[in-house]
Amino acid sequence: MLPGEVKDQGPARGGLVAAQARGAVARARWVQEGLVVPGPQLAQAWGIPRETLATATESGEVVSIVIDGREYFPKALLSLDRLTAGAICRALRQLQDAEKLMFWLRDHGALGGRSVAAALEAGTPTARVTALAEAWARERTDARVQNVDVVGRPDRRS
C-alpha cells in the first residue's frame, strides 16, 4: 500500500463518492505523516523567497499539490538542491498533480526498491532518476490516450 492509502472497501461500498472520500483521507494523512510540506518550509530550506517558489511551481519546475486549500510539496524535495529537483520535476510536467506526487512518494523497483530521495542519497545518478520520471510520465500519458481511444473519442496524438 502507498503512504496514506486507505484500504479499498470494494465496489459495493459507495463507488465514486467513496473513492473521493478515500482520496481526501489519504491526502490528510500525507499532511499528518509529514510526507508533504508547506511551501514556506520548502522555500526556507532552499533559501529562496516564496514568490520564487511560486514561479517555479507554475512553470512545472517543482511538484506541488493543493490539499484543503493549501499548497504542499513532497518532503523529499527538502533533501535535494533546486537543480536536481527541477530536472526530475520537469520530466513529470504533463501529469496531474497527484500522479506527480505519487512518483515522489512511492518506492521504485528501477531504483532498487527505494524512493527517489533515498536513491539519490545512496548515489543513484540524477540522470537515471530523471529517465525513470520521463518513463513514468510517458506510461501514464500513453495509458490515458489509449483509454480515451477505447471509448470512441478522437486520438489526441494526431
C-alpha atoms as a PDB file:
ATOM      1  CA  MET A   1       0.000   0.000   0.000  1.00  0.00           C
ATOM      2  CA  LEU A   2       1.184   3.556  -0.704  1.00  0.00           C
ATOM      3  CA  PRO A   3       1.767   6.017   2.132  1.00  0.00           C
ATOM      4  CA  GLY A   4      -1.558   7.363   3.379  1.00  0.00           C
ATOM      5  CA  GLU A   5      -3.545   4.941   1.254  1.00  0.00           C
ATOM      6  CA  VAL A   6      -6.869   3.719   2.586  1.00  0.00           C
ATOM      7  CA  LYS A   7      -7.831   0.082   2.054  1.00  0.00           C
ATOM      8  CA  ASP A   8     -10.403  -0.321  -0.724  1.00  0.00           C
ATOM      9  CA  GLN A   9     -13.764  -1.410   0.648  1.00  0.00           C
ATOM     10  CA  GLY A  10     -14.853  -2.992  -2.632  1.00  0.00           C
ATOM     11  CA  PRO A  11     -17.109  -1.831  -5.468  1.00  0.00           C
ATOM     12  CA  ALA A  12     -20.329  -2.131  -3.480  1.00  0.00           C
ATOM     13  CA  ARG A  13     -19.247   0.403  -0.884  1.00  0.00           C
ATOM     14  CA  GLY A  14     -20.103   3.745  -2.461  1.00  0.00           C
ATOM     15  CA  GLY A  15     -18.405   3.964  -5.858  1.00  0.00           C
ATOM     16  CA  LEU A  16     -17.166   7.424  -6.808  1.00  0.00           C
ATOM     17  CA  VAL A  17     -18.225   9.118  -3.584  1.00  0.00           C
ATOM     18  CA  ALA A  18     -16.367   6.524  -1.518  1.00  0.00           C
ATOM     19  CA  ALA A  19     -13.307   6.837  -3.760  1.00  0.00           C
ATOM     20  CA  GLN A  20     -13.300  10.611  -3.327  1.00  0.00           C
ATOM     21  CA  ALA A  21     -13.617  10.193   0.443  1.00  0.00           C
ATOM     22  CA  ARG A  22     -10.702   7.734   0.489  1.00  0.00           C
ATOM     23  CA  GLY A  23      -8.653  10.210  -1.539  1.00  0.00           C
ATOM     24  CA  ALA A  24      -9.401  13.028   0.903  1.00  0.00           C
ATOM     25  CA  VAL A  25      -8.422  10.812   3.842  1.00  0.00           C
ATOM     26  CA  ALA A  26      -5.188   9.809   2.081  1.00  0.00           C
ATOM     27  CA  ARG A  27      -4.281  13.454   1.366  1.00  0.00           C
ATOM     28  CA  ALA A  28      -4.938  14.386   5.003  1.00  0.00           C
ATOM     29  CA  ARG A  29      -2.649  11.531   6.078  1.00  0.00           C
ATOM     30  CA  TRP A  30       0.119  12.785   3.791  1.00  0.00           C
ATOM     31  CA  VAL A  31      -0.003  16.073   5.696  1.00  0.00           C
ATOM     32  CA  GLN A  32      -0.283  14.424   9.132  1.00  0.00           C
ATOM     33  CA  GLU A  33       2.556  11.998   8.410  1.00  0.00           C
ATOM     34  CA  GLY A  34       4.781  14.768   7.068  1.00  0.00           C
ATOM     35  CA  LEU A  35       5.102  13.254   3.596  1.00  0.00           C
ATOM     36  CA  VAL A  36       4.276  16.679   2.164  1.00  0.00           C
ATOM     37  CA  VAL A  37       5.423  20.048   3.489  1.00  0.00           C
ATOM     38  CA  PRO A  38       4.007  23.555   3.102  1.00  0.00           C
ATOM     39  CA  GLY A  39       5.589  25.959   0.648  1.00  0.00           C
ATOM     40  CA  PRO A  40       7.174  28.251   3.232  1.00  0.00           C
ATOM     41  CA  GLN A  41       9.112  25.300   4.663  1.00  0.00           C
ATOM     42  CA  LEU A  42      10.485  24.319   1.243  1.00  0.00           C
ATOM     43  CA  ALA A  43      11.282  27.940   0.348  1.00  0.00           C
ATOM     44  CA  GLN A  44      13.195  28.314   3.610  1.00  0.00           C
ATOM     45  CA  ALA A  45      15.087  25.041   3.075  1.00  0.00           C
ATOM     46  CA  TRP A  46      16.131  26.185  -0.378  1.00  0.00           C
ATOM     47  CA  GLY A  47      16.882  29.740   0.760  1.00  0.00           C
ATOM     48  CA  ILE A  48      14.536  31.334  -1.758  1.00  0.00           C
ATOM     49  CA  PRO A  49      11.605  33.756  -1.443  1.00  0.00           C
ATOM     50  CA  ARG A  50       8.101  32.260  -1.555  1.00  0.00           C
ATOM     51  CA  GLU A  51       7.464  34.196  -4.772  1.00  0.00           C
ATOM     52  CA  THR A  52      10.352  32.384  -6.460  1.00  0.00           C
ATOM     53  CA  LEU A  53       8.934  29.047  -5.319  1.00  0.00           C
ATOM     54  CA  ALA A  54       5.508  30.050  -6.659  1.00  0.00           C
ATOM     55  CA  THR A  55       7.036  30.905 -10.046  1.00  0.00           C
ATOM     56  CA  ALA A  56       8.927  27.606 -10.157  1.00  0.00           C
ATOM     57  CA  THR A  57       5.731  25.736  -9.288  1.00  0.00           C
ATOM     58  CA  GLU A  58       3.718  27.479 -12.006  1.00  0.00           C
ATOM     59  CA  SER A  59       6.379  26.667 -14.605  1.00  0.00           C
ATOM     60  CA  GLY A  60       6.435  22.966 -13.675  1.00  0.00           C
ATOM     61  CA  GLU A  61       9.919  23.066 -12.182  1.00  0.00           C
ATOM     62  CA  VAL A  62       8.551  21.982  -8.802  1.00  0.00           C
ATOM     63  CA  VAL A  63       5.844  19.421  -7.994  1.00  0.00           C
ATOM     64  CA  SER A  64       3.049  20.534  -5.682  1.00  0.00           C
ATOM     65  CA  ILE A  65      -0.457  19.524  -4.693  1.00  0.00           C
ATOM     66  CA  VAL A  66      -3.269  21.510  -3.107  1.00  0.00           C
ATOM     67  CA  ILE A  67      -4.786  19.888  -0.029  1.00  0.00           C
ATOM     68  CA  ASP A  68      -7.615  21.637   1.796  1.00  0.00           C
ATOM     69  CA  GLY A  69      -6.823  24.901   0.030  1.00  0.00           C
ATOM     70  CA  ARG A  70      -3.108  24.903   0.905  1.00  0.00           C
ATOM     71  CA  GLU A  71      -0.228  24.094  -1.398  1.00  0.00           C
ATOM     72  CA  TYR A  72       2.122  21.305  -0.336  1.00  0.00           C
ATOM     73  CA  PHE A  73       5.317  19.851  -1.755  1.00  0.00           C
ATOM     74  CA  PRO A  74       6.863  16.387  -1.455  1.00  0.00           C
ATOM     75  CA  LYS A  75       9.043  16.258   1.659  1.00  0.00           C
ATOM     76  CA  ALA A  76      11.698  14.572  -0.489  1.00  0.00           C
ATOM     77  CA  LEU A  77      12.410  17.941  -2.119  1.00  0.00           C
ATOM     78  CA  LEU A  78      13.831  19.228   1.182  1.00  0.00           C
ATOM     79  CA  SER A  79      16.862  16.964   0.780  1.00  0.00           C
ATOM     80  CA  LEU A  80      17.576  17.963  -2.824  1.00  0.00           C
ATOM     81  CA  ASP A  81      19.091  21.019  -4.417  1.00  0.00           C
ATOM     82  CA  ARG A  82      16.862  23.051  -6.730  1.00  0.00           C
ATOM     83  CA  LEU A  83      18.627  21.975  -9.930  1.00  0.00           C
ATOM     84  CA  THR A  84      18.218  18.257  -9.192  1.00  0.00           C
ATOM     85  CA  ALA A  85      14.609  18.683  -8.089  1.00  0.00           C
ATOM     86  CA  GLY A  86      13.862  20.817 -11.148  1.00  0.00           C
ATOM     87  CA  ALA A  87      15.273  18.286 -13.602  1.00  0.00           C
ATOM     88  CA  ILE A  88      13.154  15.498 -12.150  1.00  0.00           C
ATOM     89  CA  CYS A  89      10.000  17.605 -11.748  1.00  0.00           C
ATOM     90  CA  ARG A  90      10.201  18.908 -15.329  1.00  0.00           C
ATOM     91  CA  ALA A  91      10.113  15.311 -16.574  1.00  0.00           C
ATOM     92  CA  LEU A  92       6.712  14.932 -14.863  1.00  0.00           C
ATOM     93  CA  ARG A  93       5.184  18.201 -16.175  1.00  0.00           C
ATOM     94  CA  GLN A  94       2.397  16.715 -18.282  1.00  0.00           C
ATOM     95  CA  LEU A  95       0.964  14.642 -15.418  1.00  0.00           C
ATOM     96  CA  GLN A  96      -1.743  15.551 -12.946  1.00  0.00           C
ATOM     97  CA  ASP A  97      -0.581  16.791  -9.545  1.00  0.00           C
ATOM     98  CA  ALA A  98      -1.485  13.573  -7.706  1.00  0.00           C
ATOM     99  CA  GLU A  99       0.408  11.482 -10.289  1.00  0.00           C
ATOM    100  CA  LYS A 100       3.491  13.679  -9.870  1.00  0.00           C
ATOM    101  CA  LEU A 101       3.311  13.353  -6.107  1.00  0.00           C
ATOM    102  CA  MET A 102       2.959   9.568  -6.300  1.00  0.00           C
ATOM    103  CA  PHE A 103       6.227   9.427  -8.215  1.00  0.00           C
ATOM    104  CA  TRP A 104       7.954  11.087  -5.252  1.00  0.00           C
ATOM    105  CA  LEU A 105       6.149   9.103  -2.532  1.00  0.00           C
ATOM    106  CA  ARG A 106       6.494   5.535  -3.758  1.00  0.00           C
ATOM    107  CA  ASP A 107       9.413   3.155  -3.862  1.00  0.00           C
ATOM    108  CA  HIS A 108      10.538   2.246  -7.384  1.00  0.00           C
ATOM    109  CA  GLY A 109      11.860  -1.143  -8.460  1.00  0.00           C
ATOM    110  CA  ALA A 110      14.090   0.588 -11.005  1.00  0.00           C
ATOM    111  CA  LEU A 111      15.738   2.405  -8.087  1.00  0.00           C
ATOM    112  CA  GLY A 112      16.409  -0.754  -6.128  1.00  0.00           C
ATOM    113  CA  GLY A 113      13.103  -0.596  -4.290  1.00  0.00           C
ATOM    114  CA  ARG A 114      13.892   2.854  -2.930  1.00  0.00           C
ATOM    115  CA  SER A 115      12.142   6.193  -3.077  1.00  0.00           C
ATOM    116  CA  VAL A 116      13.562   8.933  -5.296  1.00  0.00           C
ATOM    117  CA  ALA A 117      15.145  10.756  -2.348  1.00  0.00           C
ATOM    118  CA  ALA A 118      16.631   7.567  -0.877  1.00  0.00           C
ATOM    119  CA  ALA A 119      18.020   6.522  -4.253  1.00  0.00           C
ATOM    120  CA  LEU A 120      19.655   9.905  -4.836  1.00  0.00           C
ATOM    121  CA  GLU A 121      21.053   9.893  -1.312  1.00  0.00           C
ATOM    122  CA  ALA A 122      22.514   6.432  -1.993  1.00  0.00           C
ATOM    123  CA  GLY A 123      24.335   7.800  -5.038  1.00  0.00           C
ATOM    124  CA  THR A 124      21.972   6.977  -7.902  1.00  0.00           C
ATOM    125  CA  PRO A 125      22.777   9.424 -10.736  1.00  0.00           C
ATOM    126  CA  THR A 126      20.246  12.195 -11.282  1.00  0.00           C
ATOM    127  CA  ALA A 127      20.119  11.263 -14.974  1.00  0.00           C
ATOM    128  CA  ARG A 128      18.877   7.770 -14.072  1.00  0.00           C
ATOM    129  CA  VAL A 129      16.124   9.168 -11.835  1.00  0.00           C
ATOM    130  CA  THR A 130      15.168  11.713 -14.486  1.00  0.00           C
ATOM    131  CA  ALA A 131      14.952   8.945 -17.110  1.00  0.00           C
ATOM    132  CA  LEU A 132      12.675   6.998 -14.774  1.00  0.00           C
ATOM    133  CA  ALA A 133      10.496  10.102 -14.288  1.00  0.00           C
ATOM    134  CA  GLU A 134      10.242  10.503 -18.069  1.00  0.00           C
ATOM    135  CA  ALA A 135       9.257   6.844 -18.475  1.00  0.00           C
ATOM    136  CA  TRP A 136       6.736   7.111 -15.606  1.00  0.00           C
ATOM    137  CA  ALA A 137       5.141  10.168 -17.236  1.00  0.00           C
ATOM    138  CA  ARG A 138       5.146   8.616 -20.710  1.00  0.00           C
ATOM    139  CA  GLU A 139       3.498   5.436 -19.422  1.00  0.00           C
ATOM    140  CA  ARG A 140       0.689   7.365 -17.727  1.00  0.00           C
ATOM    141  CA  THR A 141       0.167   9.753 -20.622  1.00  0.00           C
ATOM    142  CA  ASP A 142       0.046   6.909 -23.160  1.00  0.00           C
ATOM    143  CA  ALA A 143      -2.414   4.973 -20.973  1.00  0.00           C
ATOM    144  CA  ARG A 144      -4.747   7.991 -20.808  1.00  0.00           C
ATOM    145  CA  VAL A 145      -4.665   8.399 -24.586  1.00  0.00           C
ATOM    146  CA  GLN A 146      -5.366   4.686 -25.116  1.00  0.00           C
ATOM    147  CA  ASN A 147      -8.297   4.787 -22.672  1.00  0.00           C
ATOM    148  CA  VAL A 148      -9.786   7.760 -24.497  1.00  0.00           C
ATOM    149  CA  ASP A 149      -9.398   5.922 -27.818  1.00  0.00           C
ATOM    150  CA  VAL A 150     -11.227   2.865 -26.484  1.00  0.00           C
ATOM    151  CA  VAL A 151     -14.359   4.858 -25.655  1.00  0.00           C
ATOM    152  CA  GLY A 152     -14.524   6.322 -29.145  1.00  0.00           C
ATOM    153  CA  ARG A 153     -13.104   9.784 -28.700  1.00  0.00           C
ATOM    154  CA  PRO A 154     -10.542  11.226 -31.097  1.00  0.00           C
ATOM    155  CA  ASP A 155      -6.942  10.158 -30.720  1.00  0.00           C
ATOM    156  CA  ARG A 156      -5.084  13.066 -29.095  1.00  0.00           C
ATOM    157  CA  ARG A 157      -1.814  12.071 -30.733  1.00  0.00           C
ATOM    158  CA  SER A 158      -2.920  13.132 -34.208  1.00  0.00           C
END
